[in-house]
Protein backbone atom coordinates (compact mmCIF):
# COMPACT_ATOMS: atom_id res chain seq x y z
CA MET A 1 17.78 45.23 120.68
CA TYR A 2 15.78 47.89 118.83
CA THR A 3 12.83 46.75 116.74
CA THR A 4 10.37 48.89 114.84
CA LEU A 5 6.74 48.22 114.11
CA THR A 6 6.73 50.25 110.88
CA PRO A 7 6.68 48.07 107.77
CA LEU A 8 9.87 48.19 105.75
CA PHE A 9 8.24 49.52 102.56
CA ILE A 10 6.93 52.61 104.41
CA GLN A 11 10.33 53.46 105.87
CA ASN A 12 12.01 53.61 102.45
CA ILE A 13 9.26 55.30 100.41
CA GLY A 14 10.97 58.66 99.80
CA LEU A 15 9.81 61.64 97.75
CA PRO A 16 9.64 59.89 94.34
CA GLY A 17 7.45 57.16 95.79
CA MET A 18 5.10 59.64 97.42
CA LEU A 19 4.80 61.57 94.14
CA LEU A 20 3.99 58.35 92.30
CA ILE A 21 1.29 57.51 94.85
CA ALA A 22 -0.17 61.03 94.51
CA VAL A 23 -0.30 60.70 90.71
CA VAL A 24 -1.95 57.27 90.89
CA VAL A 25 -4.57 58.56 93.33
CA LEU A 26 -5.21 61.58 91.11
CA VAL A 27 -5.67 59.37 88.04
CA MET A 28 -7.94 56.92 89.88
CA PHE A 29 -10.27 59.40 91.54
CA GLY A 30 -9.97 62.49 89.37
CA ARG A 31 -9.39 66.09 90.33
CA GLY A 32 -13.04 66.81 91.18
CA LYS A 33 -13.42 64.04 93.74
CA ILE A 34 -10.12 64.86 95.41
CA SER A 35 -10.99 68.55 95.68
CA ASN A 36 -14.39 67.63 97.15
CA LEU A 37 -12.70 65.32 99.62
CA MET A 38 -10.21 67.99 100.68
CA GLY A 39 -13.08 70.47 101.08
CA GLU A 40 -14.86 68.03 103.39
CA VAL A 41 -11.67 67.46 105.37
CA GLY A 42 -11.29 71.23 105.78
CA LYS A 43 -14.90 71.54 106.97
CA GLY A 44 -14.32 68.73 109.44
CA ILE A 45 -11.20 70.37 110.84
CA THR A 46 -13.04 73.70 111.16
CA ALA A 47 -15.97 72.03 112.95
CA PHE A 48 -13.57 70.22 115.29
CA LYS A 49 -11.76 73.44 116.21
CA LYS A 50 -15.09 75.20 116.78
CA GLY A 51 -16.26 72.37 119.04
CA VAL A 52 -13.05 72.45 121.04
CA SER A 53 -13.27 76.21 121.57
CA GLU A 54 -16.95 76.01 122.55
CA GLY A 55 -16.19 73.22 125.01
CA LYS A 56 -13.34 75.25 126.49
CA GLU A 57 -15.60 78.31 126.88
CA GLU A 58 -18.31 76.21 128.55
CA MET A 59 -15.78 74.71 130.95
CA GLU A 60 -14.38 78.12 131.87
CA ALA A 61 -17.91 79.48 132.40
CA SER A 62 -18.83 76.57 134.67
CA ILE A 63 -15.63 77.04 136.67
CA GLU A 64 -16.44 80.73 137.12
CA ASP A 65 -20.00 79.90 138.19
CA ALA A 66 -18.71 77.33 140.68
CA ALA A 67 -16.25 79.84 142.10
CA GLU A 68 -19.00 82.43 142.57
CA THR A 69 -21.38 80.02 144.26
CA ALA A 70 -18.75 78.37 146.48
CA LYS A 71 -19.56 78.60 150.15
CA ASP A 72 -17.16 79.68 152.84
CA VAL A 73 -17.11 76.74 155.26
CA THR A 74 -14.53 78.18 157.63
CA PRO A 75 -15.76 78.01 161.23
CA ASP A 76 -16.74 81.38 162.71
CA ASP A 77 -14.20 81.24 165.55
CA THR A 78 -11.34 80.77 163.07
CA LYS A 79 -12.48 83.75 160.97
CA THR A 80 -12.30 86.20 163.87
CA LYS A 81 -8.84 85.08 165.05
CA SER A 82 -7.00 85.97 161.86
């Protein structure tokens, strides 16, 4: 038996319902507040992407440093045989 956890009213909302919700939100908060909110969301997304890329660069740099400083622990007698 297949059951969903999504409430029934969300499944059947459709385009007209979403437009109505958008209009109600616009009337309640006004254009200025919504544009400020969207600007803050955009700044947050930009900061998140910047943080992810900086973290990735730091990780790659630390991997390169670890590879350069890695010691060869192969016994001497095994090195000369190959």
